[in-house]
Amino acid sequence: MFTVLMILIILIGALMTVVILMQSSKGQGLSGAFGGAGGVGTMLGVRRAADVLAKATWVLATAFIFLIFLINLFFLPTEGTEESIINRQMQEQPLRTSPQQTAPQQAPTQEPAPQPQGGGQ
């Protein structure tokens, strides 16, 4: 079911892209490329083409958003999600006291090793 909905979303997205690009803009966009100078307007009439393409855009966008919400609602996990790794590590490690509260430990001092005395000159 998930795969069918995803394929449907991809098809609606592609169709919506084509419908949006077919709408006329200030420079006629791609609407002038389909069918010469008139494009879609000569097939349906200038006013009707704009109305049909605008309604098709709204319908496709609504179906696209509805399917996205449907997939989100039914196919994404809602419970039992794992906590983040950071939270898990914080719970596993004991709390450390701040360095100001503990007395600083002094490193043991090492005395220099005695130099061997050699009298062999």
C-alpha atoms as a PDB file:
ATOM      1  CA  MET A   1       0.000   0.000   0.000  1.00  0.00           C
ATOM      2  CA  PHE A   2       2.858   2.330   0.836  1.00  0.00           C
ATOM      3  CA  THR A   3       4.464   1.749  -2.551  1.00  0.00           C
ATOM      4  CA  VAL A   4       1.182   2.402  -4.381  1.00  0.00           C
ATOM      5  CA  LEU A   5       0.687   5.688  -2.525  1.00  0.00           C
ATOM      6  CA  MET A   6       4.263   6.773  -3.202  1.00  0.00           C
ATOM      7  CA  ILE A   7       3.900   6.035  -6.926  1.00  0.00           C
ATOM      8  CA  LEU A   8       0.631   7.976  -6.940  1.00  0.00           C
ATOM      9  CA  ILE A   9       2.320  10.933  -5.228  1.00  0.00           C
ATOM     10  CA  ILE A  10       5.120  10.918  -7.808  1.00  0.00           C
ATOM     11  CA  LEU A  11       2.646  10.798 -10.702  1.00  0.00           C
ATOM     12  CA  ILE A  12       0.534  13.602  -9.232  1.00  0.00           C
ATOM     13  CA  GLY A  13       3.669  15.678  -8.696  1.00  0.00           C
ATOM     14  CA  ALA A  14       4.772  15.216 -12.292  1.00  0.00           C
ATOM     15  CA  LEU A  15       1.285  15.979 -13.638  1.00  0.00           C
ATOM     16  CA  MET A  16       1.031  19.037 -11.404  1.00  0.00           C
ATOM     17  CA  THR A  17       4.365  20.277 -12.771  1.00  0.00           C
ATOM     18  CA  VAL A  18       3.115  19.955 -16.347  1.00  0.00           C
ATOM     19  CA  VAL A  19      -0.200  21.695 -15.550  1.00  0.00           C
ATOM     20  CA  ILE A  20       1.564  24.576 -13.812  1.00  0.00           C
ATOM     21  CA  LEU A  21       4.002  25.042 -16.679  1.00  0.00           C
ATOM     22  CA  MET A  22       1.164  25.047 -19.213  1.00  0.00           C
ATOM     23  CA  GLN A  23      -0.470  28.050 -17.574  1.00  0.00           C
ATOM     24  CA  SER A  24       0.220  31.288 -19.325  1.00  0.00           C
ATOM     25  CA  SER A  25       2.496  33.800 -17.703  1.00  0.00           C
ATOM     26  CA  LYS A  26       3.708  37.200 -18.779  1.00  0.00           C
ATOM     27  CA  GLY A  27       6.022  35.614 -21.331  1.00  0.00           C
ATOM     28  CA  GLN A  28       3.562  32.858 -22.300  1.00  0.00           C
ATOM     29  CA  GLY A  29       5.766  30.227 -20.572  1.00  0.00           C
ATOM     30  CA  LEU A  30       5.376  26.715 -21.948  1.00  0.00           C
ATOM     31  CA  SER A  31       1.753  27.288 -22.890  1.00  0.00           C
ATOM     32  CA  GLY A  32       2.932  28.782 -26.167  1.00  0.00           C
ATOM     33  CA  ALA A  33       5.092  25.740 -26.889  1.00  0.00           C
ATOM     34  CA  PHE A  34       2.145  23.338 -26.969  1.00  0.00           C
ATOM     35  CA  GLY A  35       0.333  23.731 -30.258  1.00  0.00           C
ATOM     36  CA  GLY A  36       1.994  26.855 -31.595  1.00  0.00           C
ATOM     37  CA  ALA A  37       0.969  30.408 -30.815  1.00  0.00           C
ATOM     38  CA  GLY A  38      -2.403  29.636 -29.253  1.00  0.00           C
ATOM     39  CA  GLY A  39      -1.371  26.604 -27.260  1.00  0.00           C
ATOM     40  CA  VAL A  40      -4.045  25.267 -24.961  1.00  0.00           C
ATOM     41  CA  GLY A  41      -6.027  28.469 -25.380  1.00  0.00           C
ATOM     42  CA  THR A  42      -7.058  27.654 -28.939  1.00  0.00           C
ATOM     43  CA  MET A  43      -8.347  24.253 -27.911  1.00  0.00           C
ATOM     44  CA  LEU A  44     -10.572  25.456 -25.062  1.00  0.00           C
ATOM     45  CA  GLY A  45     -10.705  29.173 -25.579  1.00  0.00           C
ATOM     46  CA  VAL A  46      -8.422  31.601 -23.766  1.00  0.00           C
ATOM     47  CA  ARG A  47     -10.598  32.124 -20.705  1.00  0.00           C
ATOM     48  CA  ARG A  48     -11.670  28.493 -20.347  1.00  0.00           C
ATOM     49  CA  ALA A  49      -8.083  27.239 -20.628  1.00  0.00           C
ATOM     50  CA  ALA A  50      -7.002  29.447 -17.740  1.00  0.00           C
ATOM     51  CA  ASP A  51      -9.967  28.279 -15.640  1.00  0.00           C
ATOM     52  CA  VAL A  52      -9.404  24.578 -16.396  1.00  0.00           C
ATOM     53  CA  LEU A  53      -5.686  24.752 -15.703  1.00  0.00           C
ATOM     54  CA  ALA A  54      -6.198  26.713 -12.479  1.00  0.00           C
ATOM     55  CA  LYS A  55      -8.815  24.238 -11.233  1.00  0.00           C
ATOM     56  CA  ALA A  56      -6.612  21.310 -12.231  1.00  0.00           C
ATOM     57  CA  THR A  57      -3.744  22.830 -10.267  1.00  0.00           C
ATOM     58  CA  TRP A  58      -5.919  23.184  -7.154  1.00  0.00           C
ATOM     59  CA  VAL A  59      -7.271  19.638  -7.437  1.00  0.00           C
ATOM     60  CA  LEU A  60      -3.837  18.117  -7.973  1.00  0.00           C
ATOM     61  CA  ALA A  61      -2.285  20.142  -5.148  1.00  0.00           C
ATOM     62  CA  THR A  62      -5.088  19.119  -2.775  1.00  0.00           C
ATOM     63  CA  ALA A  63      -4.707  15.437  -3.710  1.00  0.00           C
ATOM     64  CA  PHE A  64      -0.930  15.713  -3.315  1.00  0.00           C
ATOM     65  CA  ILE A  65      -1.174  17.202   0.188  1.00  0.00           C
ATOM     66  CA  PHE A  66      -3.880  14.728   1.219  1.00  0.00           C
ATOM     67  CA  LEU A  67      -1.748  11.756   0.161  1.00  0.00           C
ATOM     68  CA  ILE A  68       1.288  13.146   1.972  1.00  0.00           C
ATOM     69  CA  PHE A  69      -0.743  13.460   5.190  1.00  0.00           C
ATOM     70  CA  LEU A  70      -2.191   9.980   4.675  1.00  0.00           C
ATOM     71  CA  ILE A  71       1.254   8.412   4.382  1.00  0.00           C
ATOM     72  CA  ASN A  72       2.467  10.388   7.372  1.00  0.00           C
ATOM     73  CA  LEU A  73      -0.489   9.289   9.475  1.00  0.00           C
ATOM     74  CA  PHE A  74      -0.498   5.580   8.681  1.00  0.00           C
ATOM     75  CA  PHE A  75       3.028   4.603   7.731  1.00  0.00           C
ATOM     76  CA  LEU A  76       5.385   6.550   9.980  1.00  0.00           C
ATOM     77  CA  PRO A  77       6.062   5.176  13.467  1.00  0.00           C
ATOM     78  CA  THR A  78       4.361   7.080  16.235  1.00  0.00           C
ATOM     79  CA  GLU A  79       5.174   5.052  19.348  1.00  0.00           C
ATOM     80  CA  GLY A  80       8.177   3.150  20.459  1.00  0.00           C
ATOM     81  CA  THR A  81      10.669   5.383  18.784  1.00  0.00           C
ATOM     82  CA  GLU A  82      14.139   5.040  20.149  1.00  0.00           C
ATOM     83  CA  GLU A  83      15.585   7.778  22.229  1.00  0.00           C
ATOM     84  CA  SER A  84      18.588   9.570  20.925  1.00  0.00           C
ATOM     85  CA  ILE A  85      22.075   8.230  21.456  1.00  0.00           C
ATOM     86  CA  ILE A  86      22.983  11.306  23.474  1.00  0.00           C
ATOM     87  CA  ASN A  87      20.145  10.725  25.947  1.00  0.00           C
ATOM     88  CA  ARG A  88      21.032   7.038  26.259  1.00  0.00           C
ATOM     89  CA  GLN A  89      24.692   7.816  26.985  1.00  0.00           C
ATOM     90  CA  MET A  90      23.733  10.438  29.554  1.00  0.00           C
ATOM     91  CA  GLN A  91      21.645   7.873  31.436  1.00  0.00           C
ATOM     92  CA  GLU A  92      24.371   5.225  31.344  1.00  0.00           C
ATOM     93  CA  GLN A  93      27.158   7.459  32.636  1.00  0.00           C
ATOM     94  CA  PRO A  94      27.125   8.450  36.301  1.00  0.00           C
ATOM     95  CA  LEU A  95      26.927  12.115  37.091  1.00  0.00           C
ATOM     96  CA  ARG A  96      30.315  13.680  37.480  1.00  0.00           C
ATOM     97  CA  THR A  97      31.026  16.375  40.000  1.00  0.00           C
ATOM     98  CA  SER A  98      32.403  19.606  38.739  1.00  0.00           C
ATOM     99  CA  PRO A  99      36.166  20.159  39.009  1.00  0.00           C
ATOM    100  CA  GLN A 100      35.649  23.032  41.448  1.00  0.00           C
ATOM    101  CA  GLN A 101      34.015  20.782  44.038  1.00  0.00           C
ATOM    102  CA  THR A 102      36.764  18.169  44.150  1.00  0.00           C
ATOM    103  CA  ALA A 103      40.249  18.745  45.450  1.00  0.00           C
ATOM    104  CA  PRO A 104      42.794  18.635  42.700  1.00  0.00           C
ATOM    105  CA  GLN A 105      44.942  15.546  42.754  1.00  0.00           C
ATOM    106  CA  GLN A 106      48.628  16.172  42.620  1.00  0.00           C
ATOM    107  CA  ALA A 107      50.689  14.000  40.388  1.00  0.00           C
ATOM    108  CA  PRO A 108      53.347  12.027  42.266  1.00  0.00           C
ATOM    109  CA  THR A 109      56.702  13.672  41.959  1.00  0.00           C
ATOM    110  CA  GLN A 110      59.543  11.620  40.668  1.00  0.00           C
ATOM    111  CA  GLU A 111      63.028  12.231  41.850  1.00  0.00           C
ATOM    112  CA  PRO A 112      65.642  12.345  39.175  1.00  0.00           C
ATOM    113  CA  ALA A 113      67.550   9.097  38.792  1.00  0.00           C
ATOM    114  CA  PRO A 114      71.062   9.212  40.250  1.00  0.00           C
ATOM    115  CA  GLN A 115      73.790   9.564  37.661  1.00  0.00           C
ATOM    116  CA  PRO A 116      76.243   6.694  37.595  1.00  0.00           C
ATOM    117  CA  GLN A 117      79.623   7.726  38.769  1.00  0.00           C
ATOM    118  CA  GLY A 118      82.281   6.462  36.543  1.00  0.00           C
ATOM    119  CA  GLY A 119      85.945   6.996  37.151  1.00  0.00           C
ATOM    120  CA  GLY A 120      87.317   5.605  33.978  1.00  0.00           C
ATOM    121  CA  GLN A 121      89.358   8.464  32.546  1.00  0.00           C
END
